Amino acid sequence: MRLVALIVALAGCLVASPGHAGIDVVFGNTVVSRYADGGWVKHWFNRDGSYLARFSDGRELRARWVVSGDRVCLNHMQPSMIISRFCTPVIQAAVGETWQSRDPLGRRVQNVLIAGRPDEVSVSGNR
């Protein structure tokens, strides 16, 4: 369950619908979520709808993302999760900006959008 919570905590933190200004800021950059216990997750969103998350313990999660109205949704998660789809409200941020949020279990997360994609592996072509 923690894996799902970490992923969905940021799924909608940066992706904007095509009508929103600044959608390009998420592509080519990295969202990092930090938890109070020292754990972190790096999130990468691609224009083709592919998504990758890498956890501090080495695990990875791949999914597809879509914008639906004012929400962004992750689906087709691999490895398979208890839930097959999760949606969260769209929030915009700029490179260098930090913000607090909560994951689906109510835990606080400190997020930051960093320039570039350090440590990323290719996420294109998954599904």
N, C-alpha and C. Protein backbone atom coordinates (compact mmCIF):
# COMPACT_ATOMS: atom_id res chain seq x y z
N MET A 1 0.82 -1.19 0.00
CA MET A 1 0.00 0.00 0.00
C MET A 1 0.87 1.26 0.00
N ARG A 2 2.03 1.22 0.67
CA ARG A 2 2.88 2.40 0.71
C ARG A 2 3.34 2.79 -0.70
N LEU A 3 3.62 1.80 -1.54
CA LEU A 3 4.04 2.07 -2.90
C LEU A 3 2.98 2.89 -3.63
N VAL A 4 1.74 2.48 -3.54
CA VAL A 4 0.66 3.22 -4.18
C VAL A 4 0.58 4.62 -3.59
N ALA A 5 0.66 4.74 -2.30
CA ALA A 5 0.54 6.04 -1.64
C ALA A 5 1.63 6.99 -2.11
N LEU A 6 2.85 6.52 -2.22
CA LEU A 6 3.93 7.38 -2.65
C LEU A 6 3.76 7.84 -4.08
N ILE A 7 3.35 6.95 -4.94
CA ILE A 7 3.19 7.30 -6.34
C ILE A 7 2.07 8.29 -6.54
N VAL A 8 0.93 8.01 -5.99
CA VAL A 8 -0.21 8.87 -6.26
C VAL A 8 -0.11 10.20 -5.54
N ALA A 9 0.74 10.30 -4.55
CA ALA A 9 0.90 11.58 -3.86
C ALA A 9 1.34 12.66 -4.83
N LEU A 10 2.11 12.31 -5.84
CA LEU A 10 2.62 13.31 -6.77
C LEU A 10 2.06 13.20 -8.15
N ALA A 11 1.28 12.24 -8.41
CA ALA A 11 0.81 12.06 -9.78
C ALA A 11 0.20 13.31 -10.36
N GLY A 12 -0.49 14.08 -9.56
CA GLY A 12 -1.14 15.27 -10.08
C GLY A 12 -0.51 16.56 -9.64
N CYS A 13 0.62 16.52 -9.05
CA CYS A 13 1.20 17.74 -8.51
C CYS A 13 1.70 18.70 -9.57
N LEU A 14 2.03 18.23 -10.74
CA LEU A 14 2.62 19.13 -11.73
C LEU A 14 1.99 19.08 -13.09
N VAL A 15 1.36 18.04 -13.45
CA VAL A 15 0.86 17.92 -14.81
C VAL A 15 -0.36 18.82 -14.96
N ALA A 16 -0.33 19.65 -15.97
CA ALA A 16 -1.44 20.55 -16.23
C ALA A 16 -2.15 20.12 -17.50
N SER A 17 -3.42 20.40 -17.58
CA SER A 17 -4.15 20.07 -18.79
C SER A 17 -3.70 20.98 -19.92
N PRO A 18 -3.95 20.59 -21.17
CA PRO A 18 -3.47 21.40 -22.29
C PRO A 18 -3.91 22.86 -22.24
N GLY A 19 -5.00 23.16 -21.59
CA GLY A 19 -5.46 24.53 -21.50
C GLY A 19 -4.74 25.35 -20.45
N HIS A 20 -3.97 24.74 -19.60
CA HIS A 20 -3.24 25.44 -18.55
C HIS A 20 -1.86 25.88 -19.06
N ALA A 21 -1.44 27.05 -18.66
CA ALA A 21 -0.08 27.50 -18.99
C ALA A 21 0.92 26.69 -18.20
N GLY A 22 2.08 26.49 -18.75
CA GLY A 22 3.16 25.86 -18.01
C GLY A 22 3.21 24.36 -18.06
N ILE A 23 2.43 23.72 -18.92
CA ILE A 23 2.45 22.26 -18.97
C ILE A 23 3.84 21.73 -19.29
N ASP A 24 4.60 22.46 -20.08
CA ASP A 24 5.92 21.98 -20.49
C ASP A 24 6.90 21.86 -19.33
N VAL A 25 6.64 22.51 -18.21
CA VAL A 25 7.60 22.51 -17.10
C VAL A 25 7.82 21.10 -16.53
N VAL A 26 6.83 20.25 -16.59
CA VAL A 26 6.99 18.92 -16.02
C VAL A 26 7.80 18.00 -16.93
N PHE A 27 7.73 18.23 -18.23
CA PHE A 27 8.47 17.38 -19.16
C PHE A 27 9.94 17.79 -19.15
N GLY A 28 10.82 16.82 -19.03
CA GLY A 28 12.25 17.11 -19.00
C GLY A 28 12.77 17.43 -17.61
N ASN A 29 11.90 17.42 -16.62
CA ASN A 29 12.29 17.70 -15.24
C ASN A 29 11.88 16.56 -14.32
N THR A 30 12.21 16.67 -13.06
CA THR A 30 11.97 15.61 -12.08
C THR A 30 11.22 16.16 -10.89
N VAL A 31 10.20 15.44 -10.46
CA VAL A 31 9.50 15.75 -9.22
C VAL A 31 10.09 14.82 -8.16
N VAL A 32 10.53 15.39 -7.04
CA VAL A 32 11.05 14.57 -5.94
C VAL A 32 10.13 14.76 -4.74
N SER A 33 9.67 13.65 -4.19
CA SER A 33 8.84 13.64 -2.97
C SER A 33 9.69 13.12 -1.83
N ARG A 34 9.70 13.85 -0.73
CA ARG A 34 10.44 13.41 0.46
C ARG A 34 9.48 13.19 1.61
N TYR A 35 9.68 12.07 2.28
CA TYR A 35 8.87 11.69 3.43
C TYR A 35 9.66 11.92 4.71
N ALA A 36 8.92 12.09 5.80
CA ALA A 36 9.54 12.36 7.10
C ALA A 36 10.48 11.24 7.54
N ASP A 37 10.23 10.02 7.09
CA ASP A 37 11.09 8.89 7.49
C ASP A 37 12.39 8.82 6.68
N GLY A 38 12.60 9.79 5.78
CA GLY A 38 13.82 9.82 4.97
C GLY A 38 13.66 9.21 3.59
N GLY A 39 12.57 8.53 3.36
CA GLY A 39 12.33 7.94 2.04
C GLY A 39 12.01 9.01 1.01
N TRP A 40 12.25 8.69 -0.25
CA TRP A 40 11.95 9.62 -1.32
C TRP A 40 11.48 8.86 -2.56
N VAL A 41 10.84 9.59 -3.44
CA VAL A 41 10.41 9.05 -4.72
C VAL A 41 10.71 10.10 -5.78
N LYS A 42 11.28 9.68 -6.91
CA LYS A 42 11.49 10.56 -8.05
C LYS A 42 10.46 10.18 -9.10
N HIS A 43 9.82 11.21 -9.66
CA HIS A 43 8.73 11.01 -10.62
C HIS A 43 9.10 11.66 -11.95
N TRP A 44 8.84 10.93 -13.04
CA TRP A 44 9.08 11.47 -14.38
C TRP A 44 7.83 11.28 -15.23
N PHE A 45 7.35 12.38 -15.82
CA PHE A 45 6.20 12.37 -16.72
C PHE A 45 6.69 12.69 -18.13
N ASN A 46 6.19 11.98 -19.13
CA ASN A 46 6.57 12.22 -20.53
C ASN A 46 5.36 12.64 -21.34
N ARG A 47 5.63 13.39 -22.41
CA ARG A 47 4.56 13.88 -23.29
C ARG A 47 3.72 12.75 -23.87
N ASP A 48 4.32 11.58 -24.07
CA ASP A 48 3.59 10.47 -24.67
C ASP A 48 2.66 9.76 -23.69
N GLY A 49 2.55 10.27 -22.46
CA GLY A 49 1.65 9.68 -21.46
C GLY A 49 2.31 8.63 -20.59
N SER A 50 3.60 8.39 -20.78
CA SER A 50 4.29 7.41 -19.95
C SER A 50 4.79 8.07 -18.66
N TYR A 51 4.93 7.27 -17.63
CA TYR A 51 5.30 7.74 -16.30
C TYR A 51 6.21 6.70 -15.65
N LEU A 52 7.20 7.17 -14.91
CA LEU A 52 8.08 6.30 -14.16
C LEU A 52 8.32 6.90 -12.79
N ALA A 53 8.31 6.06 -11.77
CA ALA A 53 8.68 6.48 -10.42
C ALA A 53 9.78 5.56 -9.93
N ARG A 54 10.81 6.14 -9.32
CA ARG A 54 11.89 5.36 -8.72
C ARG A 54 11.94 5.71 -7.23
N PHE A 55 11.98 4.67 -6.41
CA PHE A 55 11.94 4.81 -4.95
C PHE A 55 13.34 4.72 -4.36
N SER A 56 13.50 5.27 -3.18
CA SER A 56 14.79 5.27 -2.51
C SER A 56 15.29 3.86 -2.23
N ASP A 57 14.40 2.88 -2.18
CA ASP A 57 14.83 1.50 -1.94
C ASP A 57 15.11 0.74 -3.24
N GLY A 58 15.05 1.45 -4.39
CA GLY A 58 15.39 0.83 -5.67
C GLY A 58 14.21 0.34 -6.49
N ARG A 59 13.03 0.28 -5.90
CA ARG A 59 11.87 -0.17 -6.67
C ARG A 59 11.49 0.86 -7.72
N GLU A 60 10.79 0.39 -8.76
CA GLU A 60 10.28 1.26 -9.81
C GLU A 60 8.83 0.93 -10.07
N LEU A 61 8.10 1.93 -10.50
CA LEU A 61 6.72 1.76 -10.90
C LEU A 61 6.54 2.50 -12.23
N ARG A 62 5.91 1.83 -13.18
CA ARG A 62 5.61 2.43 -14.48
C ARG A 62 4.10 2.52 -14.60
N ALA A 63 3.64 3.56 -15.29
CA ALA A 63 2.21 3.74 -15.48
C ALA A 63 1.98 4.61 -16.70
N ARG A 64 0.73 4.85 -16.99
CA ARG A 64 0.30 5.79 -18.01
C ARG A 64 -0.43 6.91 -17.27
N TRP A 65 -0.26 8.16 -17.73
CA TRP A 65 -0.99 9.26 -17.13
C TRP A 65 -1.84 9.94 -18.20
N VAL A 66 -2.98 10.46 -17.77
CA VAL A 66 -3.86 11.24 -18.64
C VAL A 66 -4.46 12.36 -17.81
N VAL A 67 -4.78 13.46 -18.47
CA VAL A 67 -5.49 14.55 -17.81
C VAL A 67 -6.96 14.39 -18.15
N SER A 68 -7.79 14.44 -17.12
CA SER A 68 -9.23 14.32 -17.27
C SER A 68 -9.86 15.50 -16.55
N GLY A 69 -10.27 16.50 -17.30
CA GLY A 69 -10.81 17.71 -16.68
C GLY A 69 -9.73 18.42 -15.89
N ASP A 70 -9.96 18.61 -14.61
CA ASP A 70 -8.98 19.27 -13.75
C ASP A 70 -8.22 18.27 -12.89
N ARG A 71 -8.21 17.01 -13.34
CA ARG A 71 -7.50 15.96 -12.60
C ARG A 71 -6.53 15.23 -13.51
N VAL A 72 -5.48 14.69 -12.91
CA VAL A 72 -4.57 13.83 -13.63
C VAL A 72 -4.73 12.43 -13.04
N CYS A 73 -4.72 11.45 -13.93
CA CYS A 73 -4.97 10.07 -13.50
C CYS A 73 -3.83 9.16 -13.92
N LEU A 74 -3.42 8.29 -13.03
CA LEU A 74 -2.47 7.22 -13.34
C LEU A 74 -3.26 5.94 -13.54
N ASN A 75 -2.90 5.19 -14.58
CA ASN A 75 -3.52 3.89 -14.79
C ASN A 75 -2.50 2.95 -15.42
N HIS A 76 -2.89 1.70 -15.61
CA HIS A 76 -2.00 0.67 -16.17
C HIS A 76 -0.70 0.59 -15.37
N MET A 77 -0.79 0.64 -14.06
CA MET A 77 0.40 0.61 -13.20
C MET A 77 1.05 -0.76 -13.22
N GLN A 78 2.38 -0.75 -13.34
CA GLN A 78 3.18 -1.98 -13.33
C GLN A 78 4.35 -1.80 -12.38
N PRO A 79 4.58 -2.63 -11.40
CA PRO A 79 3.77 -3.82 -11.16
C PRO A 79 2.36 -3.44 -10.74
N SER A 80 1.43 -4.37 -10.94
CA SER A 80 0.03 -4.13 -10.64
C SER A 80 -0.15 -3.74 -9.18
N MET A 81 -1.07 -2.82 -8.96
CA MET A 81 -1.37 -2.31 -7.63
C MET A 81 -2.75 -2.79 -7.21
N ILE A 82 -3.08 -2.55 -5.97
CA ILE A 82 -4.41 -2.89 -5.46
C ILE A 82 -5.47 -2.12 -6.24
N ILE A 83 -5.16 -0.88 -6.57
CA ILE A 83 -6.07 -0.09 -7.39
C ILE A 83 -5.51 -0.02 -8.80
N SER A 84 -6.39 0.03 -9.79
CA SER A 84 -5.92 0.07 -11.17
C SER A 84 -5.85 1.48 -11.73
N ARG A 85 -6.46 2.44 -11.03
CA ARG A 85 -6.50 3.83 -11.49
C ARG A 85 -6.59 4.74 -10.28
N PHE A 86 -5.87 5.85 -10.34
CA PHE A 86 -5.97 6.85 -9.28
C PHE A 86 -5.91 8.23 -9.89
N CYS A 87 -6.82 9.11 -9.49
CA CYS A 87 -6.87 10.47 -10.00
C CYS A 87 -6.72 11.46 -8.84
N THR A 88 -6.10 12.59 -9.15
CA THR A 88 -5.87 13.62 -8.15
C THR A 88 -5.95 14.99 -8.83
N PRO A 89 -6.31 16.05 -8.11
CA PRO A 89 -6.41 17.37 -8.73
C PRO A 89 -5.09 17.86 -9.31
N VAL A 90 -5.18 18.64 -10.38
CA VAL A 90 -4.02 19.25 -11.02
C VAL A 90 -3.54 20.43 -10.17
N ILE A 91 -2.23 20.50 -9.97
CA ILE A 91 -1.58 21.62 -9.30
C ILE A 91 -0.39 22.01 -10.15
N GLN A 92 -0.14 23.29 -10.35
CA GLN A 92 1.00 23.73 -11.14
C GLN A 92 2.13 24.19 -10.24
N ALA A 93 3.35 24.00 -10.71
CA ALA A 93 4.55 24.43 -9.98
C ALA A 93 5.63 24.78 -10.98
N ALA A 94 6.60 25.58 -10.55
CA ALA A 94 7.73 25.98 -11.38
C ALA A 94 8.99 25.26 -10.89
N VAL A 95 9.99 25.15 -11.77
CA VAL A 95 11.26 24.54 -11.38
C VAL A 95 11.80 25.27 -10.16
N GLY A 96 12.22 24.50 -9.15
CA GLY A 96 12.74 25.05 -7.91
C GLY A 96 11.69 25.25 -6.84
N GLU A 97 10.45 25.21 -7.21
CA GLU A 97 9.36 25.42 -6.26
C GLU A 97 9.15 24.18 -5.40
N THR A 98 8.87 24.39 -4.12
CA THR A 98 8.54 23.29 -3.21
C THR A 98 7.13 23.51 -2.70
N TRP A 99 6.50 22.44 -2.32
CA TRP A 99 5.15 22.51 -1.78
C TRP A 99 4.88 21.28 -0.93
N GLN A 100 3.99 21.43 0.01
CA GLN A 100 3.56 20.35 0.88
C GLN A 100 2.32 19.71 0.29
N SER A 101 2.20 18.43 0.46
CA SER A 101 0.97 17.74 0.12
C SER A 101 0.83 16.54 1.04
N ARG A 102 -0.23 15.83 0.86
CA ARG A 102 -0.45 14.60 1.63
C ARG A 102 -0.69 13.46 0.65
N ASP A 103 -0.21 12.29 1.05
CA ASP A 103 -0.48 11.13 0.21
C ASP A 103 -1.87 10.59 0.56
N PRO A 104 -2.35 9.58 -0.16
CA PRO A 104 -3.70 9.07 0.11
C PRO A 104 -3.90 8.50 1.51
N LEU A 105 -2.82 8.23 2.20
CA LEU A 105 -2.94 7.75 3.58
C LEU A 105 -2.87 8.89 4.59
N GLY A 106 -2.78 10.13 4.08
CA GLY A 106 -2.77 11.29 4.96
C GLY A 106 -1.40 11.74 5.44
N ARG A 107 -0.35 11.06 4.99
CA ARG A 107 1.00 11.44 5.41
C ARG A 107 1.48 12.67 4.66
N ARG A 108 2.20 13.54 5.37
CA ARG A 108 2.75 14.74 4.75
C ARG A 108 3.94 14.39 3.85
N VAL A 109 4.01 15.09 2.73
CA VAL A 109 5.08 14.91 1.76
C VAL A 109 5.60 16.30 1.39
N GLN A 110 6.92 16.45 1.35
CA GLN A 110 7.54 17.68 0.85
C GLN A 110 7.97 17.40 -0.58
N ASN A 111 7.46 18.18 -1.52
CA ASN A 111 7.74 17.98 -2.94
C ASN A 111 8.59 19.12 -3.46
N VAL A 112 9.39 18.82 -4.47
CA VAL A 112 10.17 19.85 -5.17
C VAL A 112 10.27 19.45 -6.63
N LEU A 113 10.20 20.45 -7.51
CA LEU A 113 10.42 20.22 -8.93
C LEU A 113 11.84 20.65 -9.23
N ILE A 114 12.66 19.68 -9.67
CA ILE A 114 14.06 20.00 -9.96
C ILE A 114 14.30 19.95 -11.47
N ALA A 115 15.22 20.77 -11.92
CA ALA A 115 15.54 20.84 -13.34
C ALA A 115 16.25 19.57 -13.78
N GLY A 116 15.90 19.08 -14.93
CA GLY A 116 16.57 17.92 -15.51
C GLY A 116 16.02 16.61 -15.01
N ARG A 117 16.69 15.55 -15.44
CA ARG A 117 16.25 14.20 -15.11
C ARG A 117 17.41 13.32 -14.65
N PRO A 118 18.02 13.66 -13.53
CA PRO A 118 19.10 12.80 -13.03
C PRO A 118 18.58 11.41 -12.69
N ASP A 119 19.35 10.41 -12.98
CA ASP A 119 19.04 9.02 -12.62
C ASP A 119 17.85 8.41 -13.35
N GLU A 120 17.31 9.09 -14.35
CA GLU A 120 16.15 8.56 -15.03
C GLU A 120 16.54 7.45 -15.99
N VAL A 121 15.67 6.47 -16.11
CA VAL A 121 15.79 5.49 -17.18
C VAL A 121 14.67 5.78 -18.17
N SER A 122 14.78 5.25 -19.33
CA SER A 122 13.76 5.51 -20.36
C SER A 122 12.40 5.01 -19.92
N VAL A 123 11.40 5.84 -20.12
CA VAL A 123 10.04 5.42 -19.80
C VAL A 123 9.18 5.36 -21.05
N SER A 124 9.70 5.73 -22.18
CA SER A 124 8.93 5.68 -23.42
C SER A 124 8.70 4.24 -23.83
N GLY A 125 7.55 4.04 -24.43
CA GLY A 125 7.27 2.73 -24.98
C GLY A 125 6.72 1.72 -23.99
N ASN A 126 6.43 2.13 -22.76
CA ASN A 126 5.82 1.17 -21.84
C ASN A 126 4.32 1.18 -22.08
N ARG A 127 3.84 0.14 -22.65
CA ARG A 127 2.44 -0.04 -23.04
C ARG A 127 2.11 0.82 -24.20
